[in-house]
Protein backbone atom coordinates (compact mmCIF):
# COMPACT_ATOMS: atom_id res chain seq x y z
CA MET A 1 4.67 -2.65 -20.79
CA ASP A 2 1.41 -3.01 -18.29
CA ARG A 3 1.18 -5.62 -15.76
CA ARG A 4 -0.99 -7.59 -17.98
CA LYS A 5 1.82 -8.06 -20.93
CA PHE A 6 4.54 -8.18 -17.88
CA LEU A 7 2.64 -11.28 -16.56
CA ILE A 8 2.49 -12.79 -19.87
CA SER A 9 5.89 -11.92 -20.82
CA THR A 10 7.58 -13.40 -17.69
CA GLY A 11 6.60 -17.04 -18.24
CA GLY A 12 9.21 -19.41 -19.35
CA VAL A 13 12.36 -18.10 -21.34
CA ALA A 14 10.76 -14.78 -22.00
CA VAL A 15 11.67 -13.95 -18.05
CA ALA A 16 15.50 -13.41 -19.09
CA ALA A 17 14.27 -11.12 -21.93
CA ALA A 18 12.06 -9.16 -19.72
CA ALA A 19 14.69 -8.87 -17.02
CA SER A 20 17.38 -7.56 -19.40
CA THR A 21 14.97 -4.95 -20.97
CA ALA A 22 13.64 -3.57 -17.59
CA GLY A 23 16.21 -0.94 -17.26
CA ALA A 24 15.60 0.31 -20.89
CA GLU A 25 11.92 0.52 -20.26
CA ALA A 26 12.25 2.02 -16.77
CA ALA A 27 14.33 4.69 -18.55
CA ALA A 28 11.76 5.23 -21.40
CA TRP A 29 8.94 5.48 -18.78
CA ILE A 30 10.64 8.02 -16.83
CA SER A 31 12.01 10.05 -19.70
CA SER A 32 8.80 10.37 -21.63
CA PRO A 33 6.26 12.46 -19.20
CA GLY A 34 4.51 13.81 -22.30
CA PRO A 35 4.58 17.48 -23.38
CA VAL A 36 2.54 20.16 -21.58
CA PRO A 37 -0.27 21.59 -23.22
CA GLU A 38 -0.47 25.24 -23.75
CA GLY A 39 -2.25 26.82 -20.90
CA ALA A 40 -2.50 23.71 -18.89
CA ILE A 41 -2.44 23.79 -15.01
CA VAL A 42 0.55 21.90 -14.01
CA LEU A 43 0.50 19.77 -10.87
CA ARG A 44 3.47 18.09 -9.40
CA LEU A 45 3.09 14.38 -8.15
CA ALA A 46 5.29 12.75 -5.82
CA MET A 47 5.16 9.18 -4.85
CA PRO A 48 7.60 7.05 -2.38
CA TRP A 49 8.65 4.18 -5.03
CA LYS A 50 10.66 4.39 -8.23
CA ASP A 51 9.17 5.40 -11.32
CA ARG A 52 8.82 2.32 -13.37
CA PRO A 53 6.09 0.52 -15.48
CA GLN A 54 5.32 -2.04 -13.23
CA GLY A 55 4.25 -1.67 -9.49
CA PRO A 56 2.74 1.08 -7.76
CA ALA A 57 4.10 3.86 -10.09
CA GLU A 58 2.12 2.40 -12.81
CA SER A 59 -1.03 2.76 -10.86
CA ALA A 60 -0.10 6.43 -10.10
CA ARG A 61 0.71 6.99 -13.92
CA ARG A 62 -2.66 5.69 -14.98
CA LEU A 63 -4.57 7.96 -12.57
CA ALA A 64 -2.40 11.05 -13.69
CA GLN A 65 -3.34 10.24 -17.26
CA ARG A 66 -6.94 9.74 -16.57
CA PHE A 67 -7.10 12.88 -14.68
CA GLN A 68 -5.70 14.82 -17.71
CA ALA A 69 -7.80 13.09 -19.98
CA MET A 70 -10.94 13.57 -18.17
CA THR A 71 -10.47 17.27 -17.86
CA GLY A 72 -9.69 17.71 -21.49
CA GLY A 73 -5.98 18.63 -20.80
CA ARG A 74 -6.70 21.57 -18.38
CA TYR A 75 -4.49 19.54 -15.97
CA HIS A 76 -1.07 18.23 -16.37
CA LEU A 77 0.51 16.03 -13.63
CA GLN A 78 4.36 16.06 -13.60
CA ILE A 79 6.50 13.48 -11.34
CA ALA A 80 8.11 15.69 -8.49
CA ALA A 81 11.48 14.98 -7.32
CA SER A 82 10.20 14.72 -3.72
CA ALA A 83 7.25 15.22 -1.55
CA GLY A 84 8.17 18.55 -0.31
CA ASP A 85 8.16 19.81 -4.08
CA ALA A 86 4.68 18.33 -4.78
CA ASP A 87 1.32 19.35 -5.07
CA LEU A 88 0.14 15.73 -4.58
CA LEU A 89 1.21 12.44 -3.11
CA HIS A 90 0.58 9.20 -4.00
CA ALA A 91 1.49 6.74 -1.35
CA SER A 92 0.21 4.58 1.41
CA PRO A 93 -1.13 6.64 4.61
CA HIS A 94 1.11 4.62 6.63
CA ASP A 95 3.93 7.07 4.89
CA ILE A 96 2.27 9.93 6.92
CA ALA A 97 1.63 8.14 9.93
CA HIS A 98 4.58 9.75 11.88
CA HIS A 99 2.22 12.61 12.23
CA HIS A 100 -0.82 10.83 13.97
CA PRO A 101 -0.99 6.90 14.14
CA ALA A 102 -4.41 6.83 13.29
CA PHE A 103 -3.47 7.21 9.67
CA SER A 104 -2.80 3.48 9.70
CA TYR A 105 -6.55 3.17 9.71
CA PHE A 106 -6.58 4.53 6.39
CA ALA A 107 -3.82 2.13 4.99
CA GLY A 108 -4.36 -1.34 6.65
CA LEU A 109 -4.31 -2.95 10.22
CA PRO A 110 -2.29 -5.87 11.05
CA GLY A 111 -3.26 -9.51 11.32
CA SER A 112 -6.92 -10.11 11.03
CA ALA A 113 -8.14 -6.42 11.86
CA GLY A 114 -7.81 -5.56 8.46
CA LEU A 115 -10.67 -4.92 5.94
CA ALA A 116 -10.58 -6.38 2.55
CA ALA A 117 -10.11 -3.84 0.10
CA SER A 118 -13.97 -3.74 -1.36
CA ASP A 119 -15.21 -3.29 2.53
CA PHE A 120 -12.78 -0.68 3.16
CA ALA A 121 -13.54 1.08 0.30
CA HIS A 122 -17.49 0.59 1.68
CA TRP A 123 -16.52 2.10 5.15
CA LEU A 124 -14.88 5.00 3.51
CA THR A 125 -18.22 5.82 1.34
CA VAL A 126 -21.27 4.60 3.41
CA GLY A 127 -19.61 4.05 6.96
CA GLY A 128 -18.50 7.58 7.90
CA GLY A 129 -14.47 6.60 7.26
CA GLN A 130 -13.87 9.25 4.39
CA MET A 131 -15.16 12.18 6.71
CA LEU A 132 -12.90 10.73 9.64
CA TRP A 133 -10.04 10.61 6.95
CA ASP A 134 -10.66 14.17 5.85
CA ASP A 135 -11.05 15.52 9.51
CA LEU A 136 -7.48 13.98 10.58
CA ALA A 137 -5.87 15.06 7.44
CA ALA A 138 -6.95 18.34 7.14
CA ASP A 139 -4.86 18.95 10.52
CA TYR A 140 -1.95 18.31 8.48
CA GLY A 141 -2.69 20.12 5.20
CA TRP A 142 -3.98 17.26 3.11
CA LYS A 143 -7.24 16.32 1.26
CA PRO A 144 -7.18 12.56 1.04
CA LEU A 145 -8.77 10.39 -1.55
CA LEU A 146 -8.52 6.72 -1.95
CA ALA A 147 -6.44 5.82 -5.10
CA GLY A 148 -5.31 2.12 -5.04
CA HIS A 149 -4.16 -0.98 -3.31
CA LEU A 150 -1.16 -3.16 -3.10
CA GLY A 151 -3.03 -6.21 -3.17
CA ASP A 152 -4.64 -8.83 -0.80
CA ALA A 153 -2.79 -11.07 1.50
CA PRO A 154 0.88 -10.01 0.97
CA PRO A 155 3.26 -12.91 2.01
CA LEU A 156 6.68 -12.22 4.12
CA TRP A 157 9.26 -12.66 1.41
CA SER A 158 12.71 -14.20 2.90
CA ARG A 159 15.69 -15.76 1.44
CA ALA A 160 15.43 -18.83 3.65
CA PRO A 161 12.49 -20.58 4.93
CA ILE A 162 10.58 -19.24 7.81
CA THR A 163 9.30 -22.33 9.81
CA ARG A 164 8.68 -21.09 13.39
CA LEU A 165 8.57 -18.15 15.52
CA SER A 166 12.26 -18.30 16.43
CA ASP A 167 13.07 -17.33 12.59
CA ILE A 168 11.56 -13.77 13.12
CA ALA A 169 12.47 -13.29 16.61
CA GLY A 170 15.74 -10.88 16.43
CA ALA A 171 15.80 -11.00 12.93
CA PRO A 172 15.79 -7.68 10.86
CA LEU A 173 12.42 -7.33 8.96
CA ALA A 174 11.30 -4.56 6.55
CA VAL A 175 7.66 -4.20 7.09
CA ALA A 176 5.39 -0.78 7.07
CA GLY A 177 2.59 0.57 9.31
CA LEU A 178 1.21 -1.19 12.20
CA GLY A 179 2.54 -4.43 10.84
CA ALA A 180 5.93 -3.08 11.76
CA ASP A 181 4.60 -2.56 15.32
CA ALA A 182 3.13 -6.42 15.23
CA ALA A 183 6.32 -7.71 14.14
CA ARG A 184 8.38 -5.95 17.02
CA ALA A 185 5.85 -7.71 19.28
CA LEU A 186 6.83 -10.86 17.68
CA GLY A 187 10.52 -10.12 18.57
CA ALA A 188 11.74 -8.74 15.02
CA GLU A 189 13.80 -5.99 14.66
CA VAL A 190 11.90 -3.66 12.14
CA GLN A 191 13.62 -1.28 9.82
CA PRO A 192 11.67 1.21 8.21
CA LEU A 193 12.42 0.78 4.50
CA GLY A 194 10.30 1.54 1.31
CA PRO A 195 9.47 -1.08 -1.17
CA ASP A 196 12.68 -0.75 -3.30
CA ALA A 197 14.99 -0.10 -0.35
CA ALA A 198 13.47 -3.30 1.18
CA ILE A 199 14.42 -5.63 -1.99
CA ARG A 200 17.79 -4.22 -1.99
CA ALA A 201 18.10 -4.92 1.57
CA LEU A 202 16.84 -8.64 1.13
CA GLY A 203 19.36 -8.99 -1.66
CA ASP A 204 22.34 -7.82 0.20
CA GLY A 205 21.23 -9.77 3.29
CA THR A 206 20.56 -6.27 5.21
CA VAL A 207 17.20 -7.50 6.16
CA HIS A 208 15.92 -11.00 6.39
CA ALA A 209 12.54 -10.82 5.26
CA ALA A 210 10.02 -8.08 3.93
CA GLU A 211 6.43 -7.45 3.14
CA THR A 212 6.29 -5.58 -0.21
CA GLY A 213 2.67 -6.12 -1.12
CA GLY A 214 0.26 -8.38 -2.88
CA LEU A 215 1.65 -11.09 -5.37
CA LEU A 216 0.94 -9.07 -8.47
CA THR A 217 2.67 -5.75 -6.81
CA SER A 218 5.78 -7.95 -5.70
CA LEU A 219 6.12 -9.49 -9.22
CA GLY A 220 6.03 -5.99 -10.74
CA LEU A 221 8.66 -4.74 -8.18
CA GLY A 222 10.99 -7.80 -8.54
CA VAL A 223 11.23 -9.10 -5.13
CA ALA A 224 11.60 -12.71 -6.29
CA ARG A 225 14.81 -12.17 -8.00
CA VAL A 226 16.24 -11.69 -4.66
CA ALA A 227 13.79 -14.21 -2.08
CA LYS A 228 12.52 -17.50 -2.98
CA HIS A 229 10.34 -17.93 -0.14
CA ALA A 230 6.78 -16.42 0.36
CA THR A 231 5.17 -17.21 3.81
CA GLY A 232 1.83 -16.41 5.47
CA HIS A 233 -0.78 -14.14 4.40
CA GLY A 234 0.82 -10.83 5.55
CA LEU A 235 1.43 -9.13 8.82
CA THR A 236 -0.69 -6.27 7.17
CA GLY A 237 -3.61 -9.41 6.59
CA ARG A 238 -5.70 -7.67 3.99
CA GLY A 239 -3.09 -5.34 2.23
CA THR A 240 -2.27 -1.80 2.18
CA ALA A 241 -4.58 0.94 0.65
CA LEU A 242 -2.79 3.66 -1.42
CA GLY A 243 -4.33 7.31 -1.16
CA LEU A 244 -3.88 10.25 -3.13
CA HIS A 245 -3.13 13.27 -0.89
CA VAL A 246 -3.57 16.89 -2.07
CA ARG A 247 -2.22 19.83 -0.52
CA LEU A 248 -5.22 21.66 1.05
CA ASP A 249 -4.28 24.83 -0.42
CA VAL A 250 -3.98 23.03 -3.98
CA TRP A 251 -7.40 21.44 -3.31
CA ASP A 252 -8.88 24.78 -2.43
CA ARG A 253 -7.60 26.37 -5.78
CA ILE A 254 -9.11 23.64 -8.01
CA ALA A 255 -12.62 24.29 -9.33
CA PRO A 256 -15.46 22.01 -7.65
CA GLU A 257 -16.01 20.13 -11.07
CA ASP A 258 -12.35 19.39 -11.23
CA GLN A 259 -12.48 18.59 -7.76
CA ALA A 260 -15.07 15.87 -8.47
CA ILE A 261 -13.16 14.88 -11.76
CA LEU A 262 -10.07 14.14 -9.60
CA ALA A 263 -11.86 12.12 -6.82
CA ALA A 264 -13.66 10.18 -9.78
CA ALA A 265 -10.01 9.59 -11.39
CA ALA A 266 -8.81 8.35 -7.99
CA GLU A 267 -11.57 6.12 -7.37
CA GLN A 268 -11.57 4.52 -10.85
CA GLU A 269 -8.07 3.66 -10.14
CA PHE A 270 -8.77 2.18 -6.93
CA HIS A 271 -11.10 -0.20 -8.47
CA ALA A 272 -8.57 -0.97 -11.36
CA SER A 273 -6.03 -1.76 -9.24
CA VAL A 274 -8.19 -3.90 -7.00
CA ALA A 275 -9.85 -5.73 -10.10
CA GLU A 276 -6.26 -6.14 -11.68
CA ASP A 277 -4.91 -8.01 -8.45
CA ARG A 278 -7.89 -9.94 -8.67
CA ALA A 279 -7.84 -11.21 -11.78
CA HIS A 280 -4.27 -11.86 -12.20
CA GLU A 281 -3.53 -13.51 -8.68
CA ARG A 282 -3.56 -17.01 -9.72
CA LEU A 283 -1.28 -16.17 -12.86
CA ALA A 284 1.06 -13.92 -10.84
CA ARG A 285 1.36 -16.90 -8.37
CA GLN A 286 1.93 -19.58 -11.06
CA THR A 287 4.70 -17.12 -12.68
CA LEU A 288 6.35 -16.81 -9.24
CA GLU A 289 6.50 -20.44 -8.92
CA THR A 290 7.57 -21.77 -12.42
CA ALA A 291 9.55 -18.59 -13.74
CA PHE A 292 11.25 -17.73 -10.36
CA GLY A 293 11.18 -20.96 -8.30
CA VAL A 294 9.34 -19.29 -5.48
CA THR A 295 8.00 -21.34 -2.71
CA PHE A 296 4.87 -20.28 -0.79
CA ALA A 297 4.07 -21.69 2.57
CA ALA A 298 1.37 -20.97 5.20
CA TRP A 299 2.41 -19.36 8.50
CA PRO A 300 4.03 -22.03 10.98
CA ALA A 301 1.22 -22.41 13.81
CA ASP A 302 3.25 -20.84 16.28
CA ILE A 303 3.46 -17.49 14.11
CA ALA A 304 -0.20 -17.72 13.12
CA GLY A 305 -1.20 -18.04 16.85
CA ALA A 306 0.82 -15.14 17.99
CA LEU A 307 0.35 -12.58 15.10
CA ASP A 308 -3.39 -11.98 15.91
CA ARG A 309 -2.92 -11.34 19.70
CA VAL A 310 -0.12 -9.14 19.17
CA ALA A 311 -2.31 -7.32 16.19
CA GLU A 312 -5.09 -6.93 18.28
CA ALA A 313 -3.07 -5.22 21.32
CA THR A 314 -1.08 -3.07 18.63
CA VAL A 315 -4.33 -1.83 17.09
CA ALA A 316 -5.87 -1.21 20.86
CA HIS A 317 -2.84 0.77 21.60
CA VAL A 318 -3.60 2.98 18.65
CA ALA A 319 -7.16 3.28 19.36
CA GLY A 320 -6.24 4.70 22.82
CA TYR A 321 -3.73 7.25 21.44
CA ASP A 322 -6.38 9.88 21.84
CA THR A 323 -9.85 10.92 21.23
CA ARG A 324 -9.76 11.01 17.48
CA SER A 325 -8.22 7.68 17.32
CA ALA A 326 -11.08 5.98 19.60
CA ARG A 327 -13.51 7.72 17.31
CA ILE A 328 -11.88 6.26 14.07
CA ASP A 329 -11.33 2.88 15.90
CA GLN A 330 -14.86 2.90 16.82
CA SER A 331 -16.28 3.70 13.39
CA TYR A 332 -14.01 1.32 11.73
CA MET A 333 -14.62 -1.75 14.21
CA ALA A 334 -18.42 -1.09 14.10
CA PHE A 335 -18.40 -1.36 10.37
CA ARG A 336 -16.09 -4.49 10.43
CA SER A 337 -18.43 -6.10 12.54
CA ALA A 338 -21.47 -5.33 10.66
CA VAL A 339 -20.11 -6.77 7.28
CA SER A 340 -18.49 -9.93 8.94
CA GLY A 341 -20.52 -10.71 11.50
CA SER A 342 -18.02 -10.58 14.40
CA ALA A 343 -18.16 -8.88 17.71
CA ALA A 344 -16.42 -5.59 17.77
CA PRO A 345 -13.57 -5.54 20.28
CA ARG A 346 -14.42 -3.84 23.48
CA ARG A 347 -12.16 -0.95 24.46
CA HIS A 348 -10.69 0.76 27.38
CA SER A 349 -11.79 4.53 27.80
CA VAL A 350 -9.46 6.76 26.16
CA ALA A 351 -9.62 9.28 29.25
CA GLY A 352 -6.11 10.40 29.90
CA ALA A 353 -4.78 9.34 26.59
CA ILE A 354 -1.85 11.09 24.82
CA SER A 355 -3.08 14.11 23.29
């Protein structure tokens, strides 16, 4: 079941039926990777989320199927058990930001610092962002390709209403990337959990709130079954980009024409995920409200005012990490200024920055 059918079938009484069949569908989805064509080159693909027929895993599967079709079956992608066993990783660059904090520029910045998905893609294509990303990722053995997006303005999901800053201060939250640093600056206790683990933690009360992606992604992941309050427009304000990270030794073994095909397949999946999110945003919200009883609310005034301040400070800290971070920040902020008309922030010199 793709997300279009999922949205349609989750209206009214069909919600119960969809919920009851989700386990069976997931089992069929996982156990049917398709036969390997004779002579095909097998590549192993890892991802940090559960392999299911809705949500980010669907995007990864579509990309894999598109690449296989575009190469006439010369390549076959299989799901790897872990990233350590994989040739390719389909994940947010936030997931590898422990190597270098500047990877977060290629995933999504907190507050109002982020770029809309289309503008982010334009920065990579014509603003020099892809060259900077290639340079950074090469040091850690990856060739990165933009390959998807989790949706614009992801709300903060919670079991209880968030009506003031004190509701966040001291509370355990599950947020990824620099949004987590912004949440800490707001006084939250952040737990580094992936989307599926964050939803389980919401369900058992281990965390009080979590950011899981835009409305369509969150609907597909099932967060509305455990949390009925969706607040704000995201600690990661414009959402999170997904990358296809190809091991450099694998990338170098792929023929140039097939490298171009893989890049084209990833680009097509990015545009498809953005278009799908935009086209179904209103229906996703309606489904969440009417079928799941979700209540949406804007950020309380004190959180809205504090978030942009701490987000700017968080990004400035990363920009000052080293000279490479400073170059990426300068390029990103100059492009953001060009497309938004806002002034680029002034940064202190990175002389003496951490190396």
